[in-house]
Amino acid sequence: MAKGKDYFGLNRLVSIILAIIPITAWICGIVTRFADGKIVAAILRIFFGAWIIWLIDLIIMIFSGHILRLLNI
């Protein structure tokens, strides 16, 4: 999976729709972190990233068209 791209390589509109819905954004965020090999980031997302990271992902997805990668681990 390419870094800094929309969810699963989908187009921007579909990715924004997925990012608006909290549960799909949470699941897609976890899956994309695991797919990128960022196990620690995915685990942190599971336990701590439900609302704060969801809001950040949503804002960045709308304005720049890609999801935010907070951790490089």
PDB file of N, CA and C in Angstrom:
ATOM      1  N   MET A   1       0.844  -1.175   0.000  1.00  0.00           N
ATOM      2  CA  MET A   1       0.000   0.000   0.000  1.00  0.00           C
ATOM      3  C   MET A   1       0.887   1.235   0.000  1.00  0.00           C
ATOM      4  N   ALA A   2       0.532   2.185  -0.822  1.00  0.00           N
ATOM      5  CA  ALA A   2       1.335   3.399  -0.938  1.00  0.00           C
ATOM      6  C   ALA A   2       1.058   4.341   0.226  1.00  0.00           C
ATOM      7  N   LYS A   3       2.108   4.906   0.748  1.00  0.00           N
ATOM      8  CA  LYS A   3       1.984   5.833   1.854  1.00  0.00           C
ATOM      9  C   LYS A   3       1.350   7.134   1.404  1.00  0.00           C
ATOM     10  N   GLY A   4       0.487   7.664   2.257  1.00  0.00           N
ATOM     11  CA  GLY A   4      -0.093   8.960   1.986  1.00  0.00           C
ATOM     12  C   GLY A   4      -1.232   8.950   0.979  1.00  0.00           C
ATOM     13  N   LYS A   5      -1.689   7.775   0.558  1.00  0.00           N
ATOM     14  CA  LYS A   5      -2.794   7.686  -0.394  1.00  0.00           C
ATOM     15  C   LYS A   5      -4.107   7.545   0.361  1.00  0.00           C
ATOM     16  N   ASP A   6      -5.202   7.652  -0.389  1.00  0.00           N
ATOM     17  CA  ASP A   6      -6.520   7.481   0.189  1.00  0.00           C
ATOM     18  C   ASP A   6      -6.683   6.050   0.678  1.00  0.00           C
ATOM     19  N   TYR A   7      -7.793   5.789   1.353  1.00  0.00           N
ATOM     20  CA  TYR A   7      -8.052   4.446   1.858  1.00  0.00           C
ATOM     21  C   TYR A   7      -8.047   3.436   0.724  1.00  0.00           C
ATOM     22  N   PHE A   8      -7.162   2.485   0.774  1.00  0.00           N
ATOM     23  CA  PHE A   8      -7.087   1.334  -0.122  1.00  0.00           C
ATOM     24  C   PHE A   8      -6.996   1.715  -1.596  1.00  0.00           C
ATOM     25  N   GLY A   9      -6.509   2.898  -1.899  1.00  0.00           N
ATOM     26  CA  GLY A   9      -6.389   3.341  -3.276  1.00  0.00           C
ATOM     27  C   GLY A   9      -7.703   3.768  -3.912  1.00  0.00           C
ATOM     28  N   LEU A  10      -8.743   3.923  -3.099  1.00  0.00           N
ATOM     29  CA  LEU A  10     -10.037   4.377  -3.614  1.00  0.00           C
ATOM     30  C   LEU A  10      -9.959   5.851  -3.981  1.00  0.00           C
ATOM     31  N   ASN A  11     -10.933   6.315  -4.766  1.00  0.00           N
ATOM     32  CA  ASN A  11     -10.894   7.722  -5.137  1.00  0.00           C
ATOM     33  C   ASN A  11     -11.201   8.614  -3.932  1.00  0.00           C
ATOM     34  N   ARG A  12     -10.994   9.904  -4.107  1.00  0.00           N
ATOM     35  CA  ARG A  12     -11.075  10.840  -2.981  1.00  0.00           C
ATOM     36  C   ARG A  12     -12.483  10.919  -2.392  1.00  0.00           C
ATOM     37  N   LEU A  13     -13.520  10.935  -3.213  1.00  0.00           N
ATOM     38  CA  LEU A  13     -14.889  11.050  -2.720  1.00  0.00           C
ATOM     39  C   LEU A  13     -15.270   9.851  -1.854  1.00  0.00           C
ATOM     40  N   VAL A  14     -14.954   8.656  -2.308  1.00  0.00           N
ATOM     41  CA  VAL A  14     -15.259   7.446  -1.539  1.00  0.00           C
ATOM     42  C   VAL A  14     -14.473   7.449  -0.231  1.00  0.00           C
ATOM     43  N   SER A  15     -13.233   7.862  -0.276  1.00  0.00           N
ATOM     44  CA  SER A  15     -12.420   7.912   0.938  1.00  0.00           C
ATOM     45  C   SER A  15     -12.963   8.934   1.929  1.00  0.00           C
ATOM     46  N   ILE A  16     -13.453  10.056   1.450  1.00  0.00           N
ATOM     47  CA  ILE A  16     -14.037  11.054   2.346  1.00  0.00           C
ATOM     48  C   ILE A  16     -15.311  10.510   2.984  1.00  0.00           C
ATOM     49  N   ILE A  17     -16.121   9.817   2.207  1.00  0.00           N
ATOM     50  CA  ILE A  17     -17.339   9.207   2.762  1.00  0.00           C
ATOM     51  C   ILE A  17     -16.979   8.188   3.833  1.00  0.00           C
ATOM     52  N   LEU A  18     -15.967   7.358   3.582  1.00  0.00           N
ATOM     53  CA  LEU A  18     -15.527   6.390   4.587  1.00  0.00           C
ATOM     54  C   LEU A  18     -14.968   7.089   5.824  1.00  0.00           C
ATOM     55  N   ALA A  19     -14.316   8.224   5.641  1.00  0.00           N
ATOM     56  CA  ALA A  19     -13.740   8.958   6.762  1.00  0.00           C
ATOM     57  C   ALA A  19     -14.800   9.669   7.591  1.00  0.00           C
ATOM     58  N   ILE A  20     -15.924  10.028   6.995  1.00  0.00           N
ATOM     59  CA  ILE A  20     -16.984  10.727   7.732  1.00  0.00           C
ATOM     60  C   ILE A  20     -17.656   9.807   8.738  1.00  0.00           C
ATOM     61  N   ILE A  21     -17.855   8.566   8.374  1.00  0.00           N
ATOM     62  CA  ILE A  21     -18.522   7.607   9.260  1.00  0.00           C
ATOM     63  C   ILE A  21     -17.488   7.101  10.269  1.00  0.00           C
ATOM     64  N   PRO A  22     -17.697   7.380  11.569  1.00  0.00           N
ATOM     65  CA  PRO A  22     -16.660   7.062  12.565  1.00  0.00           C
ATOM     66  C   PRO A  22     -16.229   5.599  12.603  1.00  0.00           C
ATOM     67  N   ILE A  23     -17.146   4.661  12.545  1.00  0.00           N
ATOM     68  CA  ILE A  23     -16.768   3.249  12.666  1.00  0.00           C
ATOM     69  C   ILE A  23     -15.982   2.780  11.441  1.00  0.00           C
ATOM     70  N   THR A  24     -16.374   3.227  10.245  1.00  0.00           N
ATOM     71  CA  THR A  24     -15.617   2.819   9.062  1.00  0.00           C
ATOM     72  C   THR A  24     -14.248   3.491   9.028  1.00  0.00           C
ATOM     73  N   ALA A  25     -14.168   4.734   9.485  1.00  0.00           N
ATOM     74  CA  ALA A  25     -12.873   5.408   9.540  1.00  0.00           C
ATOM     75  C   ALA A  25     -11.949   4.693  10.521  1.00  0.00           C
ATOM     76  N   TRP A  26     -12.483   4.245  11.639  1.00  0.00           N
ATOM     77  CA  TRP A  26     -11.690   3.538  12.646  1.00  0.00           C
ATOM     78  C   TRP A  26     -11.181   2.212  12.083  1.00  0.00           C
ATOM     79  N   ILE A  27     -12.080   1.459  11.455  1.00  0.00           N
ATOM     80  CA  ILE A  27     -11.702   0.159  10.886  1.00  0.00           C
ATOM     81  C   ILE A  27     -10.717   0.344   9.726  1.00  0.00           C
ATOM     82  N   CYS A  28     -11.013   1.260   8.816  1.00  0.00           N
ATOM     83  CA  CYS A  28     -10.115   1.499   7.681  1.00  0.00           C
ATOM     84  C   CYS A  28      -8.754   1.992   8.150  1.00  0.00           C
ATOM     85  N   GLY A  29      -8.740   2.827   9.176  1.00  0.00           N
ATOM     86  CA  GLY A  29      -7.474   3.311   9.730  1.00  0.00           C
ATOM     87  C   GLY A  29      -6.631   2.187  10.296  1.00  0.00           C
ATOM     88  N   ILE A  30      -7.275   1.285  11.014  1.00  0.00           N
ATOM     89  CA  ILE A  30      -6.547   0.146  11.593  1.00  0.00           C
ATOM     90  C   ILE A  30      -6.030  -0.769  10.490  1.00  0.00           C
ATOM     91  N   VAL A  31      -6.879  -1.076   9.524  1.00  0.00           N
ATOM     92  CA  VAL A  31      -6.485  -1.981   8.434  1.00  0.00           C
ATOM     93  C   VAL A  31      -5.348  -1.386   7.611  1.00  0.00           C
ATOM     94  N   THR A  32      -5.433  -0.081   7.301  1.00  0.00           N
ATOM     95  CA  THR A  32      -4.362   0.522   6.509  1.00  0.00           C
ATOM     96  C   THR A  32      -3.046   0.565   7.278  1.00  0.00           C
ATOM     97  N   ARG A  33      -3.099   0.755   8.590  1.00  0.00           N
ATOM     98  CA  ARG A  33      -1.857   0.735   9.387  1.00  0.00           C
ATOM     99  C   ARG A  33      -1.243  -0.661   9.393  1.00  0.00           C
ATOM    100  N   PHE A  34      -2.089  -1.694   9.563  1.00  0.00           N
ATOM    101  CA  PHE A  34      -1.579  -3.069   9.494  1.00  0.00           C
ATOM    102  C   PHE A  34      -1.039  -3.383   8.105  1.00  0.00           C
ATOM    103  N   ALA A  35      -1.724  -2.934   7.057  1.00  0.00           N
ATOM    104  CA  ALA A  35      -1.278  -3.194   5.685  1.00  0.00           C
ATOM    105  C   ALA A  35       0.060  -2.521   5.391  1.00  0.00           C
ATOM    106  N   ASP A  36       0.311  -1.376   6.018  1.00  0.00           N
ATOM    107  CA  ASP A  36       1.588  -0.677   5.847  1.00  0.00           C
ATOM    108  C   ASP A  36       2.682  -1.267   6.724  1.00  0.00           C
ATOM    109  N   GLY A  37       2.339  -2.251   7.561  1.00  0.00           N
ATOM    110  CA  GLY A  37       3.315  -2.861   8.448  1.00  0.00           C
ATOM    111  C   GLY A  37       3.574  -2.046   9.703  1.00  0.00           C
ATOM    112  N   LYS A  38       2.701  -1.133  10.015  1.00  0.00           N
ATOM    113  CA  LYS A  38       2.841  -0.270  11.199  1.00  0.00           C
ATOM    114  C   LYS A  38       2.025  -0.861  12.342  1.00  0.00           C
ATOM    115  N   ILE A  39       2.520  -1.945  12.927  1.00  0.00           N
ATOM    116  CA  ILE A  39       1.790  -2.693  13.944  1.00  0.00           C
ATOM    117  C   ILE A  39       1.538  -1.850  15.193  1.00  0.00           C
ATOM    118  N   VAL A  40       2.546  -1.140  15.660  1.00  0.00           N
ATOM    119  CA  VAL A  40       2.397  -0.313  16.868  1.00  0.00           C
ATOM    120  C   VAL A  40       1.375   0.790  16.636  1.00  0.00           C
ATOM    121  N   ALA A  41       1.428   1.426  15.477  1.00  0.00           N
ATOM    122  CA  ALA A  41       0.466   2.485  15.153  1.00  0.00           C
ATOM    123  C   ALA A  41      -0.953   1.922  15.097  1.00  0.00           C
ATOM    124  N   ALA A  42      -1.117   0.724  14.565  1.00  0.00           N
ATOM    125  CA  ALA A  42      -2.444   0.101  14.503  1.00  0.00           C
ATOM    126  C   ALA A  42      -2.964  -0.228  15.895  1.00  0.00           C
ATOM    127  N   ILE A  43      -2.097  -0.743  16.753  1.00  0.00           N
ATOM    128  CA  ILE A  43      -2.513  -1.066  18.119  1.00  0.00           C
ATOM    129  C   ILE A  43      -2.876   0.195  18.887  1.00  0.00           C
ATOM    130  N   LEU A  44      -2.091   1.247  18.740  1.00  0.00           N
ATOM    131  CA  LEU A  44      -2.423   2.518  19.384  1.00  0.00           C
ATOM    132  C   LEU A  44      -3.735   3.066  18.841  1.00  0.00           C
ATOM    133  N   ARG A  45      -3.962   2.892  17.565  1.00  0.00           N
ATOM    134  CA  ARG A  45      -5.216   3.345  16.953  1.00  0.00           C
ATOM    135  C   ARG A  45      -6.407   2.588  17.533  1.00  0.00           C
ATOM    136  N   ILE A  46      -6.232   1.307  17.796  1.00  0.00           N
ATOM    137  CA  ILE A  46      -7.313   0.500  18.367  1.00  0.00           C
ATOM    138  C   ILE A  46      -7.716   1.035  19.737  1.00  0.00           C
ATOM    139  N   PHE A  47      -6.734   1.331  20.576  1.00  0.00           N
ATOM    140  CA  PHE A  47      -7.039   1.687  21.958  1.00  0.00           C
ATOM    141  C   PHE A  47      -7.228   3.185  22.200  1.00  0.00           C
ATOM    142  N   PHE A  48      -6.527   4.029  21.464  1.00  0.00           N
ATOM    143  CA  PHE A  48      -6.549   5.458  21.779  1.00  0.00           C
ATOM    144  C   PHE A  48      -7.068   6.348  20.652  1.00  0.00           C
ATOM    145  N   GLY A  49      -7.202   5.832  19.461  1.00  0.00           N
ATOM    146  CA  GLY A  49      -7.439   6.706  18.328  1.00  0.00           C
ATOM    147  C   GLY A  49      -8.856   6.826  17.841  1.00  0.00           C
ATOM    148  N   ALA A  50      -9.811   6.388  18.610  1.00  0.00           N
ATOM    149  CA  ALA A  50     -11.174   6.365  18.098  1.00  0.00           C
ATOM    150  C   ALA A  50     -11.688   7.752  17.732  1.00  0.00           C
ATOM    151  N   TRP A  51     -11.630   8.725  18.603  1.00  0.00           N
ATOM    152  CA  TRP A  51     -12.248  10.023  18.331  1.00  0.00           C
ATOM    153  C   TRP A  51     -11.254  11.097  17.928  1.00  0.00           C
ATOM    154  N   ILE A  52     -10.149  11.188  18.593  1.00  0.00           N
ATOM    155  CA  ILE A  52      -9.199  12.258  18.294  1.00  0.00           C
ATOM    156  C   ILE A  52      -8.592  12.066  16.912  1.00  0.00           C
ATOM    157  N   ILE A  53      -8.082  10.883  16.643  1.00  0.00           N
ATOM    158  CA  ILE A  53      -7.453  10.631  15.349  1.00  0.00           C
ATOM    159  C   ILE A  53      -8.502  10.600  14.248  1.00  0.00           C
ATOM    160  N   TRP A  54      -9.735  10.176  14.575  1.00  0.00           N
ATOM    161  CA  TRP A  54     -10.808  10.201  13.589  1.00  0.00           C
ATOM    162  C   TRP A  54     -11.061  11.631  13.108  1.00  0.00           C
ATOM    163  N   LEU A  55     -11.129  12.561  14.034  1.00  0.00           N
ATOM    164  CA  LEU A  55     -11.372  13.953  13.674  1.00  0.00           C
ATOM    165  C   LEU A  55     -10.215  14.526  12.850  1.00  0.00           C
ATOM    166  N   ILE A  56      -8.988  14.226  13.239  1.00  0.00           N
ATOM    167  CA  ILE A  56      -7.816  14.692  12.490  1.00  0.00           C
ATOM    168  C   ILE A  56      -7.805  14.083  11.094  1.00  0.00           C
ATOM    169  N   ASP A  57      -8.056  12.762  10.992  1.00  0.00           N
ATOM    170  CA  ASP A  57      -8.113  12.098   9.685  1.00  0.00           C
ATOM    171  C   ASP A  57      -9.187  12.716   8.800  1.00  0.00           C
ATOM    172  N   LEU A  58     -10.346  12.999   9.370  1.00  0.00           N
ATOM    173  CA  LEU A  58     -11.441  13.570   8.605  1.00  0.00           C
ATOM    174  C   LEU A  58     -11.079  14.942   8.047  1.00  0.00           C
ATOM    175  N   ILE A  59     -10.530  15.797   8.872  1.00  0.00           N
ATOM    176  CA  ILE A  59     -10.161  17.146   8.433  1.00  0.00           C
ATOM    177  C   ILE A  59      -9.092  17.094   7.345  1.00  0.00           C
ATOM    178  N   ILE A  60      -8.065  16.282   7.556  1.00  0.00           N
ATOM    179  CA  ILE A  60      -6.987  16.191   6.571  1.00  0.00           C
ATOM    180  C   ILE A  60      -7.470  15.527   5.284  1.00  0.00           C
ATOM    181  N   MET A  61      -8.354  14.524   5.398  1.00  0.00           N
ATOM    182  CA  MET A  61      -8.890  13.865   4.209  1.00  0.00           C
ATOM    183  C   MET A  61      -9.682  14.857   3.362  1.00  0.00           C
ATOM    184  N   ILE A  62     -10.465  15.709   3.992  1.00  0.00           N
ATOM    185  CA  ILE A  62     -11.272  16.673   3.252  1.00  0.00           C
ATOM    186  C   ILE A  62     -10.399  17.731   2.576  1.00  0.00           C
ATOM    187  N   PHE A  63      -9.415  18.249   3.305  1.00  0.00           N
ATOM    188  CA  PHE A  63      -8.628  19.352   2.762  1.00  0.00           C
ATOM    189  C   PHE A  63      -7.483  18.932   1.854  1.00  0.00           C
ATOM    190  N   SER A  64      -6.838  17.793   2.142  1.00  0.00           N
ATOM    191  CA  SER A  64      -5.681  17.422   1.324  1.00  0.00           C
ATOM    192  C   SER A  64      -5.878  16.139   0.519  1.00  0.00           C
ATOM    193  N   GLY A  65      -6.875  15.339   0.870  1.00  0.00           N
ATOM    194  CA  GLY A  65      -7.163  14.148   0.085  1.00  0.00           C
ATOM    195  C   GLY A  65      -6.402  12.905   0.472  1.00  0.00           C
ATOM    196  N   HIS A  66      -5.678  12.930   1.572  1.00  0.00           N
ATOM    197  CA  HIS A  66      -5.014  11.710   2.026  1.00  0.00           C
ATOM    198  C   HIS A  66      -5.118  11.596   3.536  1.00  0.00           C
ATOM    199  N   ILE A  67      -4.887  10.381   4.046  1.00  0.00           N
ATOM    200  CA  ILE A  67      -4.980  10.185   5.483  1.00  0.00           C
ATOM    201  C   ILE A  67      -3.663  10.533   6.156  1.00  0.00           C
ATOM    202  N   LEU A  68      -3.756  10.874   7.401  1.00  0.00           N
ATOM    203  CA  LEU A  68      -2.590  11.295   8.168  1.00  0.00           C
ATOM    204  C   LEU A  68      -1.895  10.079   8.766  1.00  0.00           C
ATOM    205  N   ARG A  69      -0.609  10.041   8.652  1.00  0.00           N
ATOM    206  CA  ARG A  69       0.205   9.006   9.291  1.00  0.00           C
ATOM    207  C   ARG A  69       0.942   9.657  10.449  1.00  0.00           C
ATOM    208  N   LEU A  70       0.398   9.498  11.662  1.00  0.00           N
ATOM    209  CA  LEU A  70       1.003  10.143  12.833  1.00  0.00           C
ATOM    210  C   LEU A  70       2.303   9.459  13.259  1.00  0.00           C
ATOM    211  N   LEU A  71       2.322   8.146  13.167  1.00  0.00           N
ATOM    212  CA  LEU A  71       3.486   7.396  13.625  1.00  0.00           C
ATOM    213  C   LEU A  71       4.168   6.687  12.462  1.00  0.00           C
ATOM    214  N   ASN A  72       5.470   6.684  12.483  1.00  0.00           N
ATOM    215  CA  ASN A  72       6.239   5.953  11.470  1.00  0.00           C
ATOM    216  C   ASN A  72       6.761   4.636  12.017  1.00  0.00           C
ATOM    217  N   ILE A  73       6.118   4.118  13.060  1.00  0.00           N
ATOM    218  CA  ILE A  73       6.584   2.871  13.652  1.00  0.00           C
ATOM    219  C   ILE A  73       5.604   1.762  13.392  1.00  0.00           C
TER     220      ILE A  73
END
